[in-house]
């Protein structure tokens, strides 16, 4: 009887220990998965679906399906660079671009380039489909994107975001954007700027745009071209340890085949000494 009881006790103890150990492993596994997918929500699922590997080839390296959310947290996202074209008469134009970093989306589909006709009013028609567009659109990510600055100074502006609309109207008037371009720019970026009480803003114009954002290749060659990219960083206070030098701008003169491109990006200010 004692032998039977001992055998029974041994197997019972082993079984309970096994269940306990399995439960511990399962709990640790669940915690591990929870840590990985803590931030997953419906918007993330949507973002993953948007990064379908069957999409057309974009300039730059195509990101892996989970990198879109990861890059949003850790790298600046180039938001809504849009390209306006104004033909000299009705002009057929071939456009390609070389972004710094990676491209995440284009509209219409890029397919190694766009080919459109453009009239003097900026109406675009895609040659292959006959569809009409107000502009060409792309977005991307760039881990190296940052403000341009000196050792103890930086060009740009610290603004109270309550006045964002007036501030951008003034700047874009100085640069020479037309009413449609200004309206598109302001209505997209002011809702982003006003998420904080203050912001530092810097504009990359023309050659700085080419060096830091993207270069365009256009056939036939435009007679006049203007590129504007706004970098901004939310601030808690309207102060800076760096000397702020206000930027000056040259008014854009339009003639012949005209190209205008603008976009922007939020830069985290952890390393700006603001």
Foldseek 3Di string as FASTA:
>chain_A
DVVVVVVVVVVVVVVVVVVVVVVVVVVVVVVVVCVVCVPDDPVQVVQLVLLDPPAADAAADRDDSNVVVVLVVQWKKWPKWKKFKEAPAWDKKKKDKHWAAFWRDWPPRQNRTFIWIHHRVRWTAGPVPRDIDSTITTMHTHRPDDADADPFAGEWDKDQLVCVLVVLVVVCVQAADDPVVSVVVSVVCSVVQNVARMKTKDKQKDPSCVVHTMDMDMPPDFPFEIEIEMEMEHDNDSDASGHYHYDHHHYGDDDHIYMYIYTYIYDYCPPVRD
